[in-house]
Amino acid sequence: MVRYGEPGAVAWVESLGGPFVVLPEVVLEAWSGSAGNDDAGDDYDRACAVEGFIGLLRVGSAEGLVLGDEPAATAYLLAQGVFVRWSAAESEEAMLGSVDAAMRAAPWEPELTWKVPGPVVLFDSVWTGEESRLQEHVRVDLQAGSYGVRAAYVEPDPQTALTLVAVRRLPG
């Protein structure tokens, strides 16, 4: 994991150039990354085919959340329940300092419903689920249930641009 600023600061995951995937831990081993061997393609190809900021893919017995668009460094902020994708900022402090205002001003896209069986792992979709444990990744301790997921691209000031992917627990 890339850590900017002080030790213990936010953990940012970087990509080799493709989309990120957020998979439930229970199906991590089912993710083939770019190592698939069949003619239909592999899981990395499926992730790359997702258009826009977010999409859902069936992985084993669950769904994975694809964070598409650009391969921007990504972190999860527990307090806000949001994945932050760093497109531009003068510093990590400027990026993180803009999140609350950006969330209030965000032009949110339509919300998806994501059913999660428990904790999830954010990593570069090129890796297999097994390889992801040895690469940059972030574990997010979500409780089993349904979540509303929505995304928005925000430029809170001329030097700062970020994509937000908000994850909120749905009632029930």
N, C-alpha and C. Protein backbone atom coordinates (compact mmCIF):
# COMPACT_ATOMS: atom_id res chain seq x y z
N MET A 1 0.84 -1.18 0.00
CA MET A 1 0.00 0.00 0.00
C MET A 1 0.87 1.23 0.00
N VAL A 2 0.46 2.22 -0.71
CA VAL A 2 1.16 3.49 -0.72
C VAL A 2 0.59 4.33 0.40
N ARG A 3 1.46 4.87 1.20
CA ARG A 3 1.02 5.76 2.28
C ARG A 3 1.69 7.09 2.08
N TYR A 4 0.89 8.12 1.96
CA TYR A 4 1.41 9.47 1.82
C TYR A 4 1.34 10.13 3.19
N GLY A 5 2.14 11.14 3.39
CA GLY A 5 2.07 11.87 4.65
C GLY A 5 2.62 11.06 5.81
N GLU A 6 2.08 11.29 6.96
CA GLU A 6 2.55 10.68 8.20
C GLU A 6 2.24 9.19 8.26
N PRO A 7 3.07 8.43 8.98
CA PRO A 7 2.77 7.01 9.17
C PRO A 7 1.38 6.83 9.78
N GLY A 8 0.67 5.83 9.32
CA GLY A 8 -0.68 5.60 9.80
C GLY A 8 -1.72 6.41 9.07
N ALA A 9 -1.27 7.22 8.09
CA ALA A 9 -2.21 8.01 7.30
C ALA A 9 -3.02 7.07 6.41
N VAL A 10 -3.86 7.64 5.61
CA VAL A 10 -4.72 6.87 4.72
C VAL A 10 -3.89 5.97 3.80
N ALA A 11 -4.33 4.75 3.62
CA ALA A 11 -3.66 3.79 2.73
C ALA A 11 -4.26 3.91 1.33
N TRP A 12 -3.43 4.27 0.37
CA TRP A 12 -3.85 4.40 -1.03
C TRP A 12 -3.38 3.18 -1.80
N VAL A 13 -4.25 2.64 -2.65
CA VAL A 13 -3.90 1.53 -3.50
C VAL A 13 -3.75 2.08 -4.91
N GLU A 14 -2.68 1.69 -5.59
CA GLU A 14 -2.46 2.14 -6.96
C GLU A 14 -2.63 0.98 -7.92
N SER A 15 -2.97 1.31 -9.16
CA SER A 15 -3.23 0.33 -10.20
C SER A 15 -2.08 0.30 -11.20
N LEU A 16 -1.93 -0.81 -11.87
CA LEU A 16 -0.96 -0.91 -12.97
C LEU A 16 -1.51 -0.26 -14.24
N GLY A 17 -2.77 0.18 -14.20
CA GLY A 17 -3.36 0.86 -15.35
C GLY A 17 -4.80 0.49 -15.64
N GLY A 18 -5.30 -0.52 -14.98
CA GLY A 18 -6.67 -0.95 -15.22
C GLY A 18 -7.58 -0.58 -14.07
N PRO A 19 -8.81 -1.06 -14.10
CA PRO A 19 -9.77 -0.75 -13.04
C PRO A 19 -9.45 -1.48 -11.73
N PHE A 20 -10.06 -1.00 -10.68
CA PHE A 20 -9.99 -1.66 -9.37
C PHE A 20 -11.23 -2.53 -9.22
N VAL A 21 -11.14 -3.52 -8.35
CA VAL A 21 -12.28 -4.33 -8.00
C VAL A 21 -12.35 -4.40 -6.48
N VAL A 22 -13.58 -4.42 -5.96
CA VAL A 22 -13.82 -4.58 -4.52
C VAL A 22 -14.63 -5.87 -4.39
N LEU A 23 -13.95 -6.91 -3.85
CA LEU A 23 -14.57 -8.23 -3.79
C LEU A 23 -14.82 -8.67 -2.36
N PRO A 24 -15.94 -9.35 -2.14
CA PRO A 24 -16.13 -9.98 -0.83
C PRO A 24 -15.01 -10.99 -0.60
N GLU A 25 -14.48 -11.01 0.61
CA GLU A 25 -13.39 -11.94 0.93
C GLU A 25 -13.75 -13.40 0.63
N VAL A 26 -15.02 -13.76 0.83
CA VAL A 26 -15.42 -15.15 0.67
C VAL A 26 -15.32 -15.65 -0.77
N VAL A 27 -15.23 -14.74 -1.76
CA VAL A 27 -15.10 -15.15 -3.16
C VAL A 27 -13.78 -14.68 -3.77
N LEU A 28 -12.88 -14.22 -2.95
CA LEU A 28 -11.61 -13.70 -3.44
C LEU A 28 -10.89 -14.71 -4.33
N GLU A 29 -10.87 -15.97 -3.93
CA GLU A 29 -10.14 -16.99 -4.69
C GLU A 29 -10.79 -17.27 -6.05
N ALA A 30 -12.03 -16.85 -6.26
CA ALA A 30 -12.70 -17.08 -7.53
C ALA A 30 -12.31 -16.06 -8.60
N TRP A 31 -11.61 -14.99 -8.23
CA TRP A 31 -11.24 -13.94 -9.17
C TRP A 31 -9.99 -14.36 -9.95
N SER A 32 -10.10 -14.40 -11.28
CA SER A 32 -8.98 -14.86 -12.12
C SER A 32 -8.03 -13.75 -12.56
N GLY A 33 -8.40 -12.50 -12.29
CA GLY A 33 -7.54 -11.41 -12.75
C GLY A 33 -7.29 -11.51 -14.23
N SER A 34 -6.04 -11.29 -14.65
CA SER A 34 -5.70 -11.41 -16.07
C SER A 34 -5.17 -12.80 -16.40
N ALA A 35 -5.30 -13.74 -15.48
CA ALA A 35 -4.74 -15.09 -15.67
C ALA A 35 -5.75 -16.10 -16.20
N GLY A 36 -6.92 -15.63 -16.62
CA GLY A 36 -7.92 -16.57 -17.14
C GLY A 36 -7.44 -17.26 -18.40
N ASN A 37 -7.85 -18.47 -18.60
CA ASN A 37 -7.37 -19.26 -19.72
C ASN A 37 -8.43 -19.60 -20.77
N ASP A 38 -9.66 -19.15 -20.60
CA ASP A 38 -10.64 -19.55 -21.60
C ASP A 38 -10.78 -18.49 -22.69
N ASP A 39 -11.38 -18.87 -23.80
CA ASP A 39 -11.50 -17.99 -24.96
C ASP A 39 -12.45 -16.82 -24.72
N ALA A 40 -13.30 -16.94 -23.72
CA ALA A 40 -14.26 -15.88 -23.44
C ALA A 40 -13.62 -14.70 -22.72
N GLY A 41 -12.36 -14.80 -22.33
CA GLY A 41 -11.71 -13.73 -21.60
C GLY A 41 -11.56 -14.10 -20.14
N ASP A 42 -11.11 -13.15 -19.36
CA ASP A 42 -10.89 -13.40 -17.94
C ASP A 42 -11.61 -12.32 -17.14
N ASP A 43 -11.46 -12.40 -15.83
CA ASP A 43 -12.15 -11.44 -14.97
C ASP A 43 -11.63 -10.01 -15.19
N TYR A 44 -10.34 -9.87 -15.47
CA TYR A 44 -9.79 -8.54 -15.76
C TYR A 44 -10.49 -7.95 -17.00
N ASP A 45 -10.68 -8.76 -18.04
CA ASP A 45 -11.39 -8.29 -19.24
C ASP A 45 -12.81 -7.86 -18.89
N ARG A 46 -13.47 -8.63 -18.04
CA ARG A 46 -14.84 -8.27 -17.63
C ARG A 46 -14.84 -6.95 -16.88
N ALA A 47 -13.85 -6.75 -16.01
CA ALA A 47 -13.77 -5.48 -15.26
C ALA A 47 -13.51 -4.31 -16.21
N CYS A 48 -12.64 -4.52 -17.19
CA CYS A 48 -12.34 -3.46 -18.16
C CYS A 48 -13.55 -3.10 -19.01
N ALA A 49 -14.47 -4.03 -19.19
CA ALA A 49 -15.67 -3.78 -20.00
C ALA A 49 -16.72 -2.93 -19.28
N VAL A 50 -16.57 -2.73 -17.97
CA VAL A 50 -17.52 -1.91 -17.22
C VAL A 50 -17.36 -0.46 -17.65
N GLU A 51 -18.45 0.14 -18.07
CA GLU A 51 -18.42 1.53 -18.51
C GLU A 51 -18.82 2.44 -17.35
N GLY A 52 -18.16 3.56 -17.25
CA GLY A 52 -18.49 4.52 -16.21
C GLY A 52 -17.68 4.31 -14.95
N PHE A 53 -18.14 4.96 -13.88
CA PHE A 53 -17.41 4.96 -12.62
C PHE A 53 -17.52 3.66 -11.84
N ILE A 54 -18.71 3.01 -11.89
CA ILE A 54 -18.92 1.80 -11.10
C ILE A 54 -19.77 0.79 -11.87
N GLY A 55 -19.63 -0.46 -11.48
CA GLY A 55 -20.45 -1.52 -12.03
C GLY A 55 -20.33 -2.75 -11.16
N LEU A 56 -21.26 -3.67 -11.30
CA LEU A 56 -21.25 -4.90 -10.52
C LEU A 56 -21.02 -6.09 -11.45
N LEU A 57 -20.22 -7.05 -10.97
CA LEU A 57 -19.95 -8.28 -11.71
C LEU A 57 -20.18 -9.48 -10.80
N ARG A 58 -20.76 -10.53 -11.34
CA ARG A 58 -20.93 -11.78 -10.60
C ARG A 58 -19.56 -12.44 -10.47
N VAL A 59 -19.20 -12.81 -9.23
CA VAL A 59 -17.95 -13.52 -8.95
C VAL A 59 -18.30 -14.64 -7.99
N GLY A 60 -18.26 -15.87 -8.48
CA GLY A 60 -18.66 -16.99 -7.63
C GLY A 60 -20.08 -16.81 -7.15
N SER A 61 -20.28 -16.88 -5.85
CA SER A 61 -21.61 -16.77 -5.26
C SER A 61 -21.98 -15.36 -4.84
N ALA A 62 -21.18 -14.36 -5.22
CA ALA A 62 -21.42 -12.98 -4.79
C ALA A 62 -21.20 -12.02 -5.95
N GLU A 63 -21.27 -10.73 -5.64
CA GLU A 63 -21.00 -9.69 -6.63
C GLU A 63 -19.78 -8.89 -6.21
N GLY A 64 -18.99 -8.52 -7.21
CA GLY A 64 -17.87 -7.62 -6.99
C GLY A 64 -18.22 -6.26 -7.52
N LEU A 65 -17.67 -5.23 -6.90
CA LEU A 65 -17.87 -3.85 -7.33
C LEU A 65 -16.64 -3.42 -8.12
N VAL A 66 -16.84 -2.99 -9.35
CA VAL A 66 -15.74 -2.50 -10.18
C VAL A 66 -15.71 -0.98 -10.08
N LEU A 67 -14.51 -0.45 -9.82
CA LEU A 67 -14.29 0.99 -9.83
C LEU A 67 -13.58 1.30 -11.14
N GLY A 68 -14.33 1.79 -12.10
CA GLY A 68 -13.81 1.99 -13.44
C GLY A 68 -13.37 3.42 -13.70
N ASP A 69 -13.43 3.80 -14.95
CA ASP A 69 -13.09 5.11 -15.48
C ASP A 69 -11.59 5.29 -15.62
N GLU A 70 -10.89 5.67 -14.57
CA GLU A 70 -9.45 5.87 -14.66
C GLU A 70 -8.74 5.14 -13.52
N PRO A 71 -7.47 4.81 -13.71
CA PRO A 71 -6.74 4.05 -12.67
C PRO A 71 -6.15 4.95 -11.59
N ALA A 72 -6.96 5.83 -11.02
CA ALA A 72 -6.49 6.78 -10.00
C ALA A 72 -6.24 6.07 -8.67
N ALA A 73 -5.22 6.50 -7.94
CA ALA A 73 -4.97 5.98 -6.59
C ALA A 73 -6.27 6.07 -5.81
N THR A 74 -6.57 5.01 -5.05
CA THR A 74 -7.86 4.90 -4.38
C THR A 74 -7.67 4.50 -2.92
N ALA A 75 -8.47 5.11 -2.05
CA ALA A 75 -8.46 4.80 -0.62
C ALA A 75 -9.91 4.68 -0.16
N TYR A 76 -10.10 4.04 0.98
CA TYR A 76 -11.43 3.98 1.59
C TYR A 76 -11.40 4.78 2.88
N LEU A 77 -12.33 5.71 3.02
CA LEU A 77 -12.44 6.52 4.24
C LEU A 77 -13.63 6.02 5.04
N LEU A 78 -13.34 5.32 6.11
CA LEU A 78 -14.37 4.70 6.93
C LEU A 78 -15.37 5.72 7.49
N ALA A 79 -14.88 6.85 7.98
CA ALA A 79 -15.76 7.84 8.61
C ALA A 79 -16.84 8.34 7.66
N GLN A 80 -16.50 8.47 6.39
CA GLN A 80 -17.47 8.96 5.40
C GLN A 80 -18.13 7.81 4.62
N GLY A 81 -17.61 6.59 4.74
CA GLY A 81 -18.15 5.48 3.97
C GLY A 81 -17.97 5.69 2.48
N VAL A 82 -16.76 6.08 2.08
CA VAL A 82 -16.54 6.43 0.68
C VAL A 82 -15.16 5.99 0.20
N PHE A 83 -15.13 5.47 -1.03
CA PHE A 83 -13.87 5.27 -1.72
C PHE A 83 -13.53 6.59 -2.39
N VAL A 84 -12.33 7.06 -2.19
CA VAL A 84 -11.87 8.32 -2.78
C VAL A 84 -10.85 7.96 -3.85
N ARG A 85 -11.05 8.48 -5.04
CA ARG A 85 -10.15 8.22 -6.17
C ARG A 85 -9.47 9.54 -6.53
N TRP A 86 -8.17 9.60 -6.34
CA TRP A 86 -7.36 10.80 -6.46
C TRP A 86 -7.00 11.08 -7.91
N SER A 87 -7.69 12.04 -8.53
CA SER A 87 -7.37 12.44 -9.90
C SER A 87 -6.35 13.56 -9.92
N ALA A 88 -6.52 14.56 -9.05
CA ALA A 88 -5.59 15.69 -8.99
C ALA A 88 -5.72 16.38 -7.64
N ALA A 89 -4.58 16.75 -7.08
CA ALA A 89 -4.55 17.54 -5.85
C ALA A 89 -3.10 17.92 -5.58
N GLU A 90 -2.90 19.05 -4.94
CA GLU A 90 -1.55 19.49 -4.62
C GLU A 90 -0.91 18.63 -3.55
N SER A 91 -1.72 18.01 -2.70
CA SER A 91 -1.20 17.19 -1.61
C SER A 91 -2.29 16.25 -1.12
N GLU A 92 -1.87 15.26 -0.34
CA GLU A 92 -2.85 14.37 0.27
C GLU A 92 -3.75 15.17 1.21
N GLU A 93 -3.17 16.10 1.94
CA GLU A 93 -3.95 16.94 2.85
C GLU A 93 -5.04 17.70 2.11
N ALA A 94 -4.69 18.27 0.94
CA ALA A 94 -5.69 19.00 0.14
C ALA A 94 -6.78 18.05 -0.36
N MET A 95 -6.36 16.86 -0.81
CA MET A 95 -7.33 15.87 -1.30
C MET A 95 -8.30 15.49 -0.19
N LEU A 96 -7.76 15.06 0.93
CA LEU A 96 -8.61 14.60 2.03
C LEU A 96 -9.43 15.73 2.62
N GLY A 97 -8.88 16.93 2.64
CA GLY A 97 -9.61 18.08 3.17
C GLY A 97 -10.79 18.49 2.32
N SER A 98 -10.83 18.06 1.07
CA SER A 98 -11.91 18.43 0.17
C SER A 98 -13.07 17.43 0.16
N VAL A 99 -12.89 16.27 0.79
CA VAL A 99 -13.87 15.19 0.66
C VAL A 99 -15.25 15.55 1.18
N ASP A 100 -15.36 16.10 2.38
CA ASP A 100 -16.69 16.39 2.94
C ASP A 100 -17.47 17.38 2.07
N ALA A 101 -16.82 18.46 1.65
CA ALA A 101 -17.48 19.44 0.79
C ALA A 101 -17.83 18.82 -0.56
N ALA A 102 -16.92 18.00 -1.09
CA ALA A 102 -17.16 17.35 -2.37
C ALA A 102 -18.37 16.42 -2.28
N MET A 103 -18.52 15.71 -1.17
CA MET A 103 -19.66 14.81 -1.00
C MET A 103 -20.98 15.59 -0.99
N ARG A 104 -20.97 16.77 -0.38
CA ARG A 104 -22.20 17.58 -0.35
C ARG A 104 -22.54 18.15 -1.72
N ALA A 105 -21.53 18.49 -2.52
CA ALA A 105 -21.75 19.13 -3.82
C ALA A 105 -21.78 18.15 -4.99
N ALA A 106 -21.55 16.89 -4.73
CA ALA A 106 -21.38 15.89 -5.80
C ALA A 106 -22.63 15.73 -6.67
N PRO A 107 -22.44 15.66 -7.98
CA PRO A 107 -23.53 15.33 -8.91
C PRO A 107 -23.64 13.80 -9.02
N TRP A 108 -24.26 13.18 -8.04
CA TRP A 108 -24.29 11.72 -7.93
C TRP A 108 -24.98 11.07 -9.11
N GLU A 109 -24.40 9.98 -9.60
CA GLU A 109 -25.03 9.15 -10.61
C GLU A 109 -26.04 8.24 -9.93
N PRO A 110 -26.89 7.56 -10.70
CA PRO A 110 -27.88 6.65 -10.08
C PRO A 110 -27.19 5.59 -9.20
N GLU A 111 -27.90 5.25 -8.13
CA GLU A 111 -27.37 4.31 -7.14
C GLU A 111 -27.58 2.85 -7.60
N LEU A 112 -26.57 2.03 -7.33
CA LEU A 112 -26.66 0.58 -7.53
C LEU A 112 -26.90 -0.08 -6.18
N THR A 113 -27.51 -1.26 -6.18
CA THR A 113 -27.65 -2.03 -4.95
C THR A 113 -26.67 -3.19 -5.01
N TRP A 114 -25.80 -3.26 -4.00
CA TRP A 114 -24.73 -4.26 -3.93
C TRP A 114 -24.96 -5.11 -2.69
N LYS A 115 -25.17 -6.40 -2.89
CA LYS A 115 -25.35 -7.33 -1.77
C LYS A 115 -23.99 -7.90 -1.39
N VAL A 116 -23.64 -7.73 -0.13
CA VAL A 116 -22.32 -8.11 0.36
C VAL A 116 -22.47 -9.15 1.47
N PRO A 117 -21.72 -10.27 1.38
CA PRO A 117 -21.81 -11.28 2.42
C PRO A 117 -20.90 -11.02 3.63
N GLY A 118 -20.14 -9.93 3.61
CA GLY A 118 -19.23 -9.61 4.70
C GLY A 118 -18.09 -8.76 4.21
N PRO A 119 -16.95 -8.75 4.91
CA PRO A 119 -15.82 -7.90 4.56
C PRO A 119 -15.40 -8.03 3.10
N VAL A 120 -14.90 -6.91 2.55
CA VAL A 120 -14.49 -6.84 1.14
C VAL A 120 -13.03 -6.38 1.05
N VAL A 121 -12.44 -6.61 -0.13
CA VAL A 121 -11.05 -6.25 -0.37
C VAL A 121 -10.97 -5.45 -1.67
N LEU A 122 -10.33 -4.28 -1.59
CA LEU A 122 -10.06 -3.42 -2.75
C LEU A 122 -8.68 -3.75 -3.29
N PHE A 123 -8.59 -4.03 -4.61
CA PHE A 123 -7.28 -4.28 -5.22
C PHE A 123 -7.36 -4.07 -6.73
N ASP A 124 -6.21 -4.05 -7.37
CA ASP A 124 -6.11 -3.90 -8.82
C ASP A 124 -6.67 -5.16 -9.47
N SER A 125 -7.62 -4.99 -10.38
CA SER A 125 -8.31 -6.13 -10.98
C SER A 125 -7.41 -7.02 -11.84
N VAL A 126 -6.21 -6.59 -12.16
CA VAL A 126 -5.29 -7.42 -12.95
C VAL A 126 -4.82 -8.64 -12.17
N TRP A 127 -4.77 -8.53 -10.83
CA TRP A 127 -4.28 -9.63 -9.99
C TRP A 127 -5.37 -10.68 -9.78
N THR A 128 -4.96 -11.93 -9.59
CA THR A 128 -5.92 -12.95 -9.17
C THR A 128 -6.28 -12.65 -7.71
N GLY A 129 -7.35 -13.26 -7.24
CA GLY A 129 -7.71 -13.08 -5.84
C GLY A 129 -6.60 -13.53 -4.92
N GLU A 130 -5.95 -14.64 -5.25
CA GLU A 130 -4.84 -15.15 -4.44
C GLU A 130 -3.66 -14.17 -4.45
N GLU A 131 -3.32 -13.64 -5.63
CA GLU A 131 -2.22 -12.68 -5.74
C GLU A 131 -2.51 -11.37 -5.01
N SER A 132 -3.79 -11.02 -4.91
CA SER A 132 -4.15 -9.74 -4.29
C SER A 132 -3.66 -9.63 -2.86
N ARG A 133 -3.56 -10.74 -2.18
CA ARG A 133 -3.10 -10.73 -0.79
C ARG A 133 -1.63 -10.33 -0.68
N LEU A 134 -0.88 -10.51 -1.78
CA LEU A 134 0.56 -10.19 -1.80
C LEU A 134 0.83 -8.84 -2.45
N GLN A 135 -0.21 -8.18 -2.96
CA GLN A 135 -0.09 -6.89 -3.64
C GLN A 135 -0.76 -5.81 -2.78
N GLU A 136 -0.70 -4.57 -3.26
CA GLU A 136 -1.41 -3.48 -2.58
C GLU A 136 -2.89 -3.82 -2.53
N HIS A 137 -3.47 -3.70 -1.36
CA HIS A 137 -4.90 -3.93 -1.18
C HIS A 137 -5.35 -3.27 0.11
N VAL A 138 -6.64 -3.06 0.22
CA VAL A 138 -7.24 -2.52 1.44
C VAL A 138 -8.45 -3.37 1.77
N ARG A 139 -8.51 -3.83 3.00
CA ARG A 139 -9.66 -4.60 3.49
C ARG A 139 -10.64 -3.63 4.14
N VAL A 140 -11.91 -3.76 3.79
CA VAL A 140 -12.97 -2.92 4.35
C VAL A 140 -13.93 -3.85 5.07
N ASP A 141 -14.14 -3.62 6.34
CA ASP A 141 -14.93 -4.50 7.19
C ASP A 141 -16.42 -4.16 7.10
N LEU A 142 -17.03 -4.48 5.95
CA LEU A 142 -18.47 -4.26 5.80
C LEU A 142 -19.22 -5.43 6.43
N GLN A 143 -20.37 -5.14 7.01
CA GLN A 143 -21.23 -6.18 7.54
C GLN A 143 -22.06 -6.76 6.40
N ALA A 144 -22.46 -8.00 6.52
CA ALA A 144 -23.30 -8.62 5.50
C ALA A 144 -24.60 -7.83 5.37
N GLY A 145 -25.04 -7.66 4.13
CA GLY A 145 -26.28 -6.94 3.88
C GLY A 145 -26.26 -6.26 2.53
N SER A 146 -27.27 -5.44 2.28
CA SER A 146 -27.39 -4.70 1.03
C SER A 146 -26.88 -3.28 1.23
N TYR A 147 -26.17 -2.80 0.22
CA TYR A 147 -25.58 -1.46 0.26
C TYR A 147 -25.97 -0.69 -0.99
N GLY A 148 -26.25 0.59 -0.81
CA GLY A 148 -26.44 1.49 -1.93
C GLY A 148 -25.06 2.03 -2.29
N VAL A 149 -24.71 2.00 -3.57
CA VAL A 149 -23.42 2.49 -4.03
C VAL A 149 -23.68 3.50 -5.13
N ARG A 150 -23.08 4.68 -5.00
CA ARG A 150 -23.23 5.71 -6.02
C ARG A 150 -21.89 6.40 -6.21
N ALA A 151 -21.72 7.00 -7.38
CA ALA A 151 -20.44 7.61 -7.71
C ALA A 151 -20.64 9.01 -8.29
N ALA A 152 -19.60 9.82 -8.14
CA ALA A 152 -19.61 11.16 -8.70
C ALA A 152 -18.18 11.65 -8.91
N TYR A 153 -17.99 12.42 -9.95
CA TYR A 153 -16.71 13.09 -10.20
C TYR A 153 -16.89 14.54 -9.76
N VAL A 154 -15.94 15.04 -8.95
CA VAL A 154 -16.07 16.38 -8.38
C VAL A 154 -14.75 17.13 -8.52
N GLU A 155 -14.84 18.40 -8.85
CA GLU A 155 -13.69 19.30 -8.86
C GLU A 155 -13.99 20.42 -7.86
N PRO A 156 -13.65 20.21 -6.57
CA PRO A 156 -14.00 21.19 -5.55
C PRO A 156 -13.27 22.53 -5.68
N ASP A 157 -12.12 22.53 -6.35
CA ASP A 157 -11.40 23.77 -6.62
C ASP A 157 -10.54 23.53 -7.86
N PRO A 158 -9.93 24.58 -8.42
CA PRO A 158 -9.19 24.40 -9.68
C PRO A 158 -8.01 23.42 -9.61
N GLN A 159 -7.48 23.13 -8.44
CA GLN A 159 -6.34 22.22 -8.31
C GLN A 159 -6.73 20.80 -7.87
N THR A 160 -7.99 20.58 -7.54
CA THR A 160 -8.40 19.31 -6.95
C THR A 160 -9.52 18.66 -7.75
N ALA A 161 -9.31 17.38 -8.06
CA ALA A 161 -10.34 16.60 -8.75
C ALA A 161 -10.33 15.19 -8.16
N LEU A 162 -11.51 14.67 -7.89
CA LEU A 162 -11.62 13.34 -7.31
C LEU A 162 -12.92 12.68 -7.73
N THR A 163 -12.89 11.37 -7.71
CA THR A 163 -14.11 10.59 -7.90
C THR A 163 -14.45 9.99 -6.55
N LEU A 164 -15.70 10.09 -6.18
CA LEU A 164 -16.20 9.54 -4.93
C LEU A 164 -17.09 8.34 -5.24
N VAL A 165 -16.92 7.27 -4.48
CA VAL A 165 -17.81 6.11 -4.58
C VAL A 165 -18.33 5.85 -3.17
N ALA A 166 -19.53 6.34 -2.91
CA ALA A 166 -20.13 6.25 -1.58
C ALA A 166 -20.83 4.91 -1.41
N VAL A 167 -20.64 4.31 -0.25
CA VAL A 167 -21.22 3.01 0.09
C VAL A 167 -22.01 3.18 1.37
N ARG A 168 -23.33 2.96 1.31
CA ARG A 168 -24.15 3.12 2.51
C ARG A 168 -25.02 1.89 2.71
N ARG A 169 -25.12 1.49 3.95
CA ARG A 169 -25.94 0.32 4.31
C ARG A 169 -27.41 0.65 4.10
N LEU A 170 -28.12 -0.22 3.41
CA LEU A 170 -29.56 -0.02 3.19
C LEU A 170 -30.32 -0.67 4.34
N PRO A 171 -31.45 -0.08 4.71
CA PRO A 171 -32.26 -0.67 5.79
C PRO A 171 -32.75 -2.06 5.41
N GLY A 172 -32.91 -2.88 6.44
CA GLY A 172 -33.50 -4.19 6.18
C GLY A 172 -32.65 -5.32 6.48
